[in-house]
Amino acid sequence: MATELEELVGFLSSPSPPVKKAAVEIVRDLTGSEDGSLSLSKYASTVLPSLSQLLKEKKEVSEPAAEALINLSLNSNLAAKMVELGMIETAMDVLYKPDSSITRLLVMLLVNLTQLDSGIVSLLQIEGEKMQGLFVTKLVRSFCRSSDETRDDPFDHVGSILVNVSKKEAGRKMLLDSKRGLLKQILRQFDSTSPLRKKGVSGTLRNCCFEAENQLQNLLLISEFLWPALLLPVAGKKIYSEQETSKMPLELGSALSIEREPWDDPEFRVEALESIYLIIVQEAGLRAFWSVNGPRILQDGYEDEEDPKVMEAYERVGSLLVHGSGTEEPSSSIETSK
């Protein structure tokens, strides 16, 4: 005889809309507790495909189904089964339907599923040569489109997906591919007023800089966006003169010549400095850094810094600048006697 839970899971596929709606709401509520999720996990082979199908229904059913899947995907074993069942493909399909009403929830589900290597591979579509990169390109386009900053943008969380994707070499290579131009688009969001977006851009850029040894040329091709994203968070409060900014990329020089909002979160500053370090370890990266007056900017930023972890990151970069390149004197490098 079927248990109550088995019957409940069976009702997720009921032809009766009221029964289906009631069942999915109960399942959603069960996933809100550890015990409930554990009980449902025993029926994963039935409950996960059923919930996946319900994502395609009207909002009154698709919303609780998506919420249930988000809760269940916190369990790595269940998340892995979701990826096996093609949940990423389903989520992307529903996400880009014109009448999609659960955008934010689907993006959050993708954030959880791309915590897994298999989820990243699925999103990158590595095994489908013709479709490779289509999902990521769509998400980047949605992330970068002009958004009304006064309201909650459902695509803000795409930044977290991009951070996850860029943890894998294949993801970094895709984002750095100059023909796709994805990182260039992402970097344009670095000055967003949304902390979530900024965090996504910062983390993605830092991960991509781990490819600097092999992909430095592609990074430097987008210098006009790269250096503002890396240097503005760590430039301190100083307002630079026209003479001082004349050698800098236009966007960087313009931003440094006016009063600006400080980057309060020390994590942003640490990530920017780690990215700079990864670039200037390469000789050509170091030359490029000197050419935009990077050492001077860091010196001024260091003088304003008070956070010990950020100061340590400045000093690590400074240790490379002692043997600086270009026409500047080595004394321009960061003093560590603060």
Protein backbone atom coordinates (compact mmCIF):
# COMPACT_ATOMS: atom_id res chain seq x y z
CA MET A 1 0.00 0.00 0.00
CA ALA A 2 1.28 3.46 -0.92
CA THR A 3 2.36 5.73 1.89
CA GLU A 4 0.88 9.21 2.33
CA LEU A 5 4.07 10.72 0.92
CA GLU A 6 3.96 8.46 -2.15
CA GLU A 7 0.35 9.51 -2.76
CA LEU A 8 1.30 13.17 -2.36
CA VAL A 9 4.12 12.86 -4.89
CA GLY A 10 1.72 11.08 -7.24
CA PHE A 11 -0.70 14.01 -7.03
CA LEU A 12 1.97 16.27 -8.59
CA SER A 13 1.03 14.65 -11.90
CA SER A 14 -2.72 14.82 -11.34
CA PRO A 15 -4.86 15.94 -14.31
CA SER A 16 -6.90 18.03 -11.87
CA PRO A 17 -5.42 21.58 -11.59
CA PRO A 18 -6.71 22.15 -8.01
CA VAL A 19 -5.27 18.81 -6.83
CA LYS A 20 -1.94 19.50 -8.54
CA LYS A 21 -1.78 23.01 -7.05
CA ALA A 22 -2.52 21.73 -3.53
CA ALA A 23 0.05 18.94 -3.88
CA VAL A 24 2.87 21.17 -5.09
CA GLU A 25 2.24 23.67 -2.30
CA ILE A 26 2.45 20.91 0.32
CA VAL A 27 5.65 19.58 -1.28
CA ARG A 28 7.10 23.11 -1.33
CA ASP A 29 6.32 23.51 2.37
CA LEU A 30 7.91 20.14 3.15
CA THR A 31 11.16 21.18 1.43
CA GLY A 32 11.39 24.11 3.82
CA SER A 33 12.58 21.77 6.57
CA GLU A 34 15.52 19.39 6.65
CA ASP A 35 13.34 16.46 7.69
CA GLY A 36 10.83 17.17 4.93
CA SER A 37 13.53 17.38 2.28
CA LEU A 38 15.09 14.16 3.55
CA SER A 39 11.75 12.35 3.34
CA LEU A 40 11.11 13.59 -0.19
CA SER A 41 14.65 12.66 -1.28
CA LYS A 42 13.64 8.98 -0.97
CA TYR A 43 11.26 9.59 -3.86
CA ALA A 44 13.69 11.70 -5.89
CA SER A 45 13.26 9.65 -9.08
CA THR A 46 9.57 10.62 -9.11
CA VAL A 47 9.40 13.98 -7.38
CA LEU A 48 12.18 15.71 -9.32
CA PRO A 49 10.85 14.98 -12.85
CA SER A 50 7.33 15.91 -11.68
CA LEU A 51 8.47 19.25 -10.26
CA SER A 52 10.49 19.88 -13.42
CA GLN A 53 7.38 19.46 -15.55
CA LEU A 54 5.43 21.84 -13.30
CA LEU A 55 7.90 24.64 -14.08
CA LYS A 56 6.12 24.93 -17.43
CA GLU A 57 2.70 25.53 -15.83
CA LYS A 58 1.02 28.79 -14.83
CA LYS A 59 2.58 30.83 -12.04
CA GLU A 60 0.29 29.48 -9.30
CA VAL A 61 1.83 26.03 -9.87
CA SER A 62 5.26 26.85 -11.35
CA GLU A 63 6.21 29.19 -8.50
CA PRO A 64 5.87 26.67 -5.64
CA ALA A 65 7.48 24.02 -7.90
CA ALA A 66 10.51 26.27 -8.48
CA GLU A 67 10.73 27.10 -4.77
CA ALA A 68 10.66 23.39 -3.93
CA LEU A 69 13.44 22.67 -6.43
CA ILE A 70 15.58 25.50 -5.06
CA ASN A 71 15.26 24.08 -1.55
CA LEU A 72 15.97 20.52 -2.69
CA SER A 73 18.97 21.64 -4.77
CA LEU A 74 20.74 22.68 -1.57
CA ASN A 75 21.37 18.93 -1.17
CA SER A 76 24.31 18.20 -3.48
CA ASN A 77 23.12 14.66 -4.24
CA LEU A 78 19.69 15.89 -5.28
CA ALA A 79 21.27 18.75 -7.24
CA ALA A 80 23.40 16.20 -9.13
CA LYS A 81 20.25 14.19 -9.98
CA MET A 82 18.59 17.37 -11.22
CA VAL A 83 21.51 18.02 -13.57
CA GLU A 84 21.30 14.41 -14.82
CA LEU A 85 17.59 14.90 -15.50
CA GLY A 86 18.32 17.92 -17.71
CA MET A 87 17.04 20.48 -15.20
CA ILE A 88 19.42 23.18 -16.49
CA GLU A 89 18.08 22.81 -20.02
CA THR A 90 14.49 22.91 -18.69
CA ALA A 91 15.19 25.98 -16.56
CA MET A 92 16.81 27.83 -19.48
CA ASP A 93 13.94 26.88 -21.78
CA VAL A 94 11.29 28.18 -19.36
CA LEU A 95 13.40 31.22 -18.43
CA TYR A 96 13.35 32.53 -21.99
CA LYS A 97 9.73 31.89 -22.81
CA PRO A 98 7.95 35.23 -23.45
CA ASP A 99 5.40 34.61 -20.70
CA SER A 100 7.88 33.42 -18.05
CA SER A 101 6.73 34.60 -14.61
CA ILE A 102 9.31 32.91 -12.36
CA THR A 103 12.52 34.42 -13.73
CA ARG A 104 14.15 35.19 -10.39
CA LEU A 105 13.46 31.68 -9.03
CA LEU A 106 14.84 29.97 -12.14
CA VAL A 107 18.02 32.05 -11.96
CA MET A 108 18.42 31.12 -8.29
CA LEU A 109 17.96 27.45 -9.18
CA LEU A 110 20.73 27.81 -11.78
CA VAL A 111 22.98 29.40 -9.13
CA ASN A 112 22.57 26.29 -6.96
CA LEU A 113 23.01 23.79 -9.82
CA THR A 114 26.20 25.47 -11.06
CA GLN A 115 27.81 24.90 -7.69
CA LEU A 116 28.49 21.43 -9.15
CA ASP A 117 31.04 20.68 -11.86
CA SER A 118 28.40 18.71 -13.75
CA GLY A 119 26.07 21.70 -13.58
CA ILE A 120 28.73 23.99 -15.04
CA VAL A 121 29.41 21.51 -17.87
CA SER A 122 25.69 21.36 -18.58
CA LEU A 123 25.30 25.16 -18.64
CA LEU A 124 28.38 25.59 -20.86
CA GLN A 125 26.92 22.95 -23.25
CA ILE A 126 30.43 21.61 -23.70
CA GLU A 127 29.25 18.39 -25.29
CA GLY A 128 27.07 20.11 -27.91
CA GLU A 129 29.48 21.67 -30.38
CA LYS A 130 26.91 23.75 -32.28
CA MET A 131 25.12 25.02 -29.17
CA GLN A 132 28.24 25.52 -27.03
CA GLY A 133 28.06 28.76 -25.09
CA LEU A 134 24.50 29.65 -26.11
CA PHE A 135 23.10 29.45 -22.56
CA VAL A 136 25.95 31.50 -21.10
CA THR A 137 25.67 34.11 -23.87
CA LYS A 138 21.94 34.47 -23.20
CA LEU A 139 22.51 34.89 -19.46
CA VAL A 140 25.27 37.45 -19.96
CA ARG A 141 23.04 39.43 -22.33
CA SER A 142 20.24 39.42 -19.76
CA PHE A 143 22.66 40.38 -16.98
CA CYS A 144 24.07 43.27 -18.98
CA ARG A 145 20.96 44.76 -20.49
CA SER A 146 19.99 48.14 -19.10
CA SER A 147 18.09 47.53 -15.91
CA ASP A 148 15.89 49.79 -13.85
CA GLU A 149 18.11 50.14 -10.79
CA THR A 150 15.18 51.32 -8.66
CA ARG A 151 13.63 47.88 -8.56
CA ASP A 152 14.80 44.37 -7.87
CA ASP A 153 16.21 42.95 -11.11
CA PRO A 154 15.60 39.20 -11.41
CA PHE A 155 18.85 38.83 -13.37
CA ASP A 156 21.04 40.26 -10.58
CA HIS A 157 21.78 36.69 -9.43
CA VAL A 158 23.29 35.84 -12.84
CA GLY A 159 26.47 37.37 -11.40
CA SER A 160 26.67 34.42 -8.99
CA ILE A 161 26.22 31.97 -11.90
CA LEU A 162 29.10 33.66 -13.75
CA VAL A 163 31.32 33.37 -10.69
CA ASN A 164 30.51 29.63 -10.52
CA VAL A 165 31.11 29.12 -14.25
CA SER A 166 34.43 30.99 -14.15
CA LYS A 167 35.75 28.61 -11.49
CA LYS A 168 36.22 26.05 -14.28
CA GLU A 169 38.90 26.46 -16.93
CA ALA A 170 36.39 25.81 -19.72
CA GLY A 171 34.17 28.56 -18.33
CA ARG A 172 37.03 31.05 -18.09
CA LYS A 173 38.09 30.33 -21.66
CA MET A 174 34.55 30.88 -22.89
CA LEU A 175 34.22 34.19 -21.04
CA LEU A 176 37.64 35.33 -22.29
CA ASP A 177 37.03 34.36 -25.92
CA SER A 178 37.49 37.68 -27.75
CA LYS A 179 35.10 36.64 -30.53
CA ARG A 180 32.28 36.20 -28.02
CA GLY A 181 33.15 39.40 -26.14
CA LEU A 182 31.41 38.20 -22.97
CA LEU A 183 33.85 39.51 -20.35
CA LYS A 184 33.81 42.94 -21.98
CA GLN A 185 30.03 43.04 -21.56
CA ILE A 186 30.23 41.82 -17.96
CA LEU A 187 32.83 44.44 -16.98
CA ARG A 188 30.46 47.22 -18.01
CA GLN A 189 28.38 46.29 -14.96
CA PHE A 190 31.22 46.91 -12.48
CA ASP A 191 29.85 50.31 -11.46
CA SER A 192 26.29 49.09 -10.92
CA THR A 193 24.52 50.27 -7.78
CA SER A 194 23.53 46.65 -7.06
CA PRO A 195 25.98 45.03 -4.60
CA LEU A 196 25.00 41.62 -5.98
CA ARG A 197 25.93 42.63 -9.52
CA LYS A 198 29.19 44.22 -8.39
CA LYS A 199 30.09 41.10 -6.44
CA GLY A 200 29.36 38.96 -9.48
CA VAL A 201 31.53 41.10 -11.76
CA SER A 202 34.39 41.26 -9.25
CA GLY A 203 34.42 37.51 -8.57
CA THR A 204 34.11 36.60 -12.25
CA LEU A 205 36.96 38.92 -13.25
CA ARG A 206 39.19 37.59 -10.49
CA ASN A 207 38.57 34.00 -11.62
CA CYS A 208 39.24 34.92 -15.26
CA CYS A 209 42.57 36.46 -14.26
CA PHE A 210 43.76 32.97 -13.29
CA GLU A 211 44.03 32.47 -17.06
CA ALA A 212 46.38 35.47 -17.40
CA GLU A 213 49.36 33.25 -18.21
CA ASN A 214 47.65 31.96 -21.37
CA GLN A 215 44.99 34.58 -22.04
CA LEU A 216 46.73 37.85 -21.17
CA GLN A 217 46.27 39.21 -24.68
CA ASN A 218 42.51 38.75 -24.48
CA LEU A 219 42.44 40.48 -21.08
CA LEU A 220 44.48 43.43 -22.33
CA LEU A 221 42.32 43.75 -25.44
CA ILE A 222 39.59 45.09 -23.14
CA SER A 223 41.93 47.41 -21.18
CA GLU A 224 39.47 50.31 -21.37
CA PHE A 225 37.09 48.30 -19.18
CA LEU A 226 39.63 46.12 -17.37
CA TRP A 227 41.66 48.84 -15.63
CA PRO A 228 38.68 50.86 -14.33
CA ALA A 229 37.16 47.66 -12.91
CA LEU A 230 40.44 46.75 -11.18
CA LEU A 231 41.80 50.13 -10.12
CA LEU A 232 38.78 52.20 -9.08
CA PRO A 233 37.94 49.99 -6.07
CA VAL A 234 41.50 50.42 -4.74
CA ALA A 235 42.30 53.99 -5.84
CA GLY A 236 41.43 55.66 -2.56
CA LYS A 237 39.97 59.15 -2.28
CA LYS A 238 42.47 61.22 -4.24
CA ILE A 239 41.13 63.40 -7.08
CA TYR A 240 43.67 63.43 -9.92
CA SER A 241 44.63 66.39 -12.10
CA GLU A 242 44.21 66.46 -15.87
CA GLN A 243 47.96 66.05 -16.27
CA GLU A 244 47.95 62.93 -14.07
CA THR A 245 45.06 61.30 -15.95
CA SER A 246 46.30 62.14 -19.45
CA LYS A 247 48.06 58.80 -19.88
CA MET A 248 45.20 56.72 -18.46
CA PRO A 249 42.35 55.07 -20.39
CA LEU A 250 39.57 57.64 -20.78
CA GLU A 251 37.05 55.92 -18.51
CA LEU A 252 39.62 55.40 -15.74
CA GLY A 253 40.99 58.93 -15.97
CA SER A 254 37.50 60.49 -16.01
CA ALA A 255 36.46 58.56 -12.91
CA LEU A 256 39.64 59.46 -11.01
CA SER A 257 39.34 63.15 -11.81
CA ILE A 258 36.13 63.59 -9.80
CA GLU A 259 34.94 62.86 -6.28
CA ARG A 260 33.62 59.29 -6.10
CA GLU A 261 31.83 56.90 -3.81
CA PRO A 262 34.18 54.61 -1.83
CA TRP A 263 34.00 50.83 -2.29
CA ASP A 264 33.00 50.01 1.26
CA ASP A 265 33.16 46.21 1.09
CA PRO A 266 36.79 45.14 1.67
CA GLU A 267 36.13 41.91 -0.25
CA PHE A 268 35.85 43.93 -3.49
CA ARG A 269 39.17 45.60 -2.84
CA VAL A 270 40.92 42.32 -2.01
CA GLU A 271 39.56 40.67 -5.18
CA ALA A 272 40.65 43.62 -7.32
CA LEU A 273 44.17 43.46 -5.88
CA GLU A 274 44.33 39.68 -6.35
CA SER A 275 43.31 40.17 -9.99
CA ILE A 276 45.97 42.84 -10.49
CA TYR A 277 48.57 40.52 -8.96
CA LEU A 278 47.65 37.70 -11.36
CA ILE A 279 48.01 40.06 -14.33
CA ILE A 280 51.28 41.73 -13.37
CA VAL A 281 53.01 38.44 -12.60
CA GLN A 282 53.19 38.32 -16.41
CA GLU A 283 55.83 40.65 -17.86
CA ALA A 284 53.49 42.11 -20.48
CA GLY A 285 50.83 42.59 -17.82
CA LEU A 286 53.30 44.47 -15.64
CA ARG A 287 54.24 46.76 -18.53
CA ALA A 288 50.57 47.44 -19.23
CA PHE A 289 49.99 48.23 -15.56
CA TRP A 290 52.82 50.76 -15.47
CA SER A 291 51.53 52.33 -18.70
CA VAL A 292 48.25 53.33 -17.00
CA ASN A 293 50.07 54.71 -13.94
CA GLY A 294 48.82 51.76 -11.91
CA PRO A 295 51.59 51.81 -9.27
CA ARG A 296 50.91 55.47 -8.43
CA ILE A 297 47.16 54.82 -8.12
CA LEU A 298 47.79 51.89 -5.77
CA GLN A 299 50.23 53.93 -3.70
CA ASP A 300 47.56 56.58 -3.13
CA GLY A 301 44.91 53.96 -2.39
CA TYR A 302 47.18 52.20 0.09
CA GLU A 303 47.67 55.42 2.03
CA ASP A 304 43.89 55.64 2.58
CA GLU A 305 43.45 51.96 3.46
CA GLU A 306 42.68 50.83 7.00
CA ASP A 307 41.59 47.20 6.61
CA PRO A 308 44.50 44.82 7.49
CA LYS A 309 43.55 42.16 4.92
CA VAL A 310 43.29 44.72 2.13
CA MET A 311 46.60 46.28 3.18
CA GLU A 312 48.20 42.85 2.98
CA ALA A 313 46.84 42.44 -0.55
CA TYR A 314 48.25 45.87 -1.53
CA GLU A 315 51.64 44.86 -0.15
CA ARG A 316 51.62 41.60 -2.08
CA VAL A 317 51.13 43.55 -5.31
CA GLY A 318 53.75 46.04 -4.15
CA SER A 319 56.32 43.26 -3.81
CA LEU A 320 56.08 42.74 -7.59
CA LEU A 321 56.33 46.45 -8.33
CA VAL A 322 59.67 46.88 -6.56
CA HIS A 323 61.25 45.62 -9.79
CA GLY A 324 58.91 47.79 -11.83
CA SER A 325 59.00 48.21 -15.55
CA GLY A 326 58.73 51.24 -17.81
CA THR A 327 59.98 54.76 -17.21
CA GLU A 328 58.78 55.11 -13.61
CA GLU A 329 61.27 54.83 -10.79
CA PRO A 330 60.95 51.77 -8.53
CA SER A 331 60.41 54.14 -5.62
CA SER A 332 56.86 54.64 -6.96
CA SER A 333 56.00 51.15 -5.75
CA ILE A 334 53.98 50.66 -2.59
CA GLU A 335 55.77 51.35 0.65
CA THR A 336 55.08 48.64 3.18
CA SER A 337 56.25 50.43 6.29
CA LYS A 338 52.81 51.77 7.14
